């Protein structure tokens, strides 16, 4: 599924592939911080009112990133 409304390329990667937060390259804490920032950026476009299912999926992935 492709979501052209994401505000940045990094957000697009995370929205399409939540496994990015579990990436093995680089510092784990930096990867998690980048994932959280990208999900928050995506949520500025994927609002609950405009895209409720996409908003919920992004919220879910954000929560998984925060749990790490």
C-alpha atoms as a PDB file:
ATOM      1  CA  UNK A   1       0.000   0.000   0.000  1.00  0.00           C
ATOM      2  CA  UNK A   2       1.365   3.438  -0.916  1.00  0.00           C
ATOM      3  CA  UNK A   3       0.565   6.608   1.031  1.00  0.00           C
ATOM      4  CA  UNK A   4       1.564   9.696  -0.978  1.00  0.00           C
ATOM      5  CA  UNK A   5       0.412  12.094   1.737  1.00  0.00           C
ATOM      6  CA  UNK A   6       3.363  11.470   4.038  1.00  0.00           C
ATOM      7  CA  UNK A   7       5.325  14.671   4.637  1.00  0.00           C
ATOM      8  CA  UNK A   8       8.809  13.233   4.185  1.00  0.00           C
ATOM      9  CA  UNK A   9      10.640  10.332   2.635  1.00  0.00           C
ATOM     10  CA  UNK A  10      11.632   8.985   6.058  1.00  0.00           C
ATOM     11  CA  UNK A  11       7.998   8.999   7.131  1.00  0.00           C
ATOM     12  CA  UNK A  12       7.053   7.145   3.980  1.00  0.00           C
ATOM     13  CA  UNK A  13       9.603   4.424   4.675  1.00  0.00           C
ATOM     14  CA  UNK A  14       8.306   3.949   8.207  1.00  0.00           C
ATOM     15  CA  UNK A  15       4.651   4.038   7.260  1.00  0.00           C
ATOM     16  CA  UNK A  16       5.199   1.421   4.587  1.00  0.00           C
ATOM     17  CA  UNK A  17       7.695  -0.678   6.538  1.00  0.00           C
ATOM     18  CA  UNK A  18       7.420  -0.591  10.329  1.00  0.00           C
ATOM     19  CA  UNK A  19      10.396  -2.968  10.514  1.00  0.00           C
ATOM     20  CA  UNK A  20      12.675   0.039  10.006  1.00  0.00           C
ATOM     21  CA  UNK A  21      12.593   0.733  13.740  1.00  0.00           C
ATOM     22  CA  UNK A  22      14.126  -2.735  14.266  1.00  0.00           C
ATOM     23  CA  UNK A  23      16.906  -2.128  11.782  1.00  0.00           C
ATOM     24  CA  UNK A  24      20.233  -3.705  12.706  1.00  0.00           C
ATOM     25  CA  UNK A  25      22.502  -0.994  11.237  1.00  0.00           C
ATOM     26  CA  UNK A  26      23.358   2.102  13.217  1.00  0.00           C
ATOM     27  CA  UNK A  27      22.729   2.923  16.837  1.00  0.00           C
ATOM     28  CA  UNK A  28      19.507   1.360  18.148  1.00  0.00           C
ATOM     29  CA  UNK A  29      18.544   4.424  20.189  1.00  0.00           C
ATOM     30  CA  UNK A  30      19.046   6.686  17.155  1.00  0.00           C
ATOM     31  CA  UNK A  31      16.956   4.363  14.992  1.00  0.00           C
ATOM     32  CA  UNK A  32      14.127   4.405  17.532  1.00  0.00           C
ATOM     33  CA  UNK A  33      14.284   8.205  17.880  1.00  0.00           C
ATOM     34  CA  UNK A  34      14.186   8.565  14.088  1.00  0.00           C
ATOM     35  CA  UNK A  35      11.223   6.192  13.898  1.00  0.00           C
ATOM     36  CA  UNK A  36       9.318   8.150  16.546  1.00  0.00           C
ATOM     37  CA  UNK A  37      10.029  11.459  14.804  1.00  0.00           C
ATOM     38  CA  UNK A  38       8.909  10.084  11.446  1.00  0.00           C
ATOM     39  CA  UNK A  39       5.692   8.611  12.860  1.00  0.00           C
ATOM     40  CA  UNK A  40       4.895  11.938  14.530  1.00  0.00           C
ATOM     41  CA  UNK A  41       5.524  13.721  11.224  1.00  0.00           C
ATOM     42  CA  UNK A  42       3.232  11.281   9.424  1.00  0.00           C
ATOM     43  CA  UNK A  43       0.495  11.926  11.993  1.00  0.00           C
ATOM     44  CA  UNK A  44       0.389  15.591  10.990  1.00  0.00           C
ATOM     45  CA  UNK A  45      -1.025  14.410   7.660  1.00  0.00           C
ATOM     46  CA  UNK A  46      -2.677  11.145   8.649  1.00  0.00           C
ATOM     47  CA  UNK A  47      -5.207  12.715  10.967  1.00  0.00           C
ATOM     48  CA  UNK A  48      -7.924  10.803  12.765  1.00  0.00           C
ATOM     49  CA  UNK A  49     -10.584  12.805  10.929  1.00  0.00           C
ATOM     50  CA  UNK A  50      -9.131  12.573   7.416  1.00  0.00           C
ATOM     51  CA  UNK A  51      -7.658   9.052   7.392  1.00  0.00           C
ATOM     52  CA  UNK A  52      -8.920   7.152  10.443  1.00  0.00           C
ATOM     53  CA  UNK A  53      -7.578   3.707   9.515  1.00  0.00           C
ATOM     54  CA  UNK A  54      -4.185   5.047   8.477  1.00  0.00           C
ATOM     55  CA  UNK A  55      -4.088   7.215  11.609  1.00  0.00           C
ATOM     56  CA  UNK A  56      -4.785   4.156  13.768  1.00  0.00           C
ATOM     57  CA  UNK A  57      -2.091   2.084  12.026  1.00  0.00           C
ATOM     58  CA  UNK A  58       0.446   4.878  12.453  1.00  0.00           C
ATOM     59  CA  UNK A  59      -0.507   5.319  16.110  1.00  0.00           C
ATOM     60  CA  UNK A  60      -0.031   1.582  16.606  1.00  0.00           C
ATOM     61  CA  UNK A  61       3.418   1.643  15.003  1.00  0.00           C
ATOM     62  CA  UNK A  62       4.342   4.706  17.069  1.00  0.00           C
ATOM     63  CA  UNK A  63       3.342   2.874  20.243  1.00  0.00           C
ATOM     64  CA  UNK A  64       5.488  -0.111  19.250  1.00  0.00           C
ATOM     65  CA  UNK A  65       8.450   2.220  18.719  1.00  0.00           C
ATOM     66  CA  UNK A  66       7.988   3.858  22.113  1.00  0.00           C
ATOM     67  CA  UNK A  67       7.882   0.429  23.792  1.00  0.00           C
ATOM     68  CA  UNK A  68      11.344  -0.501  22.465  1.00  0.00           C
END
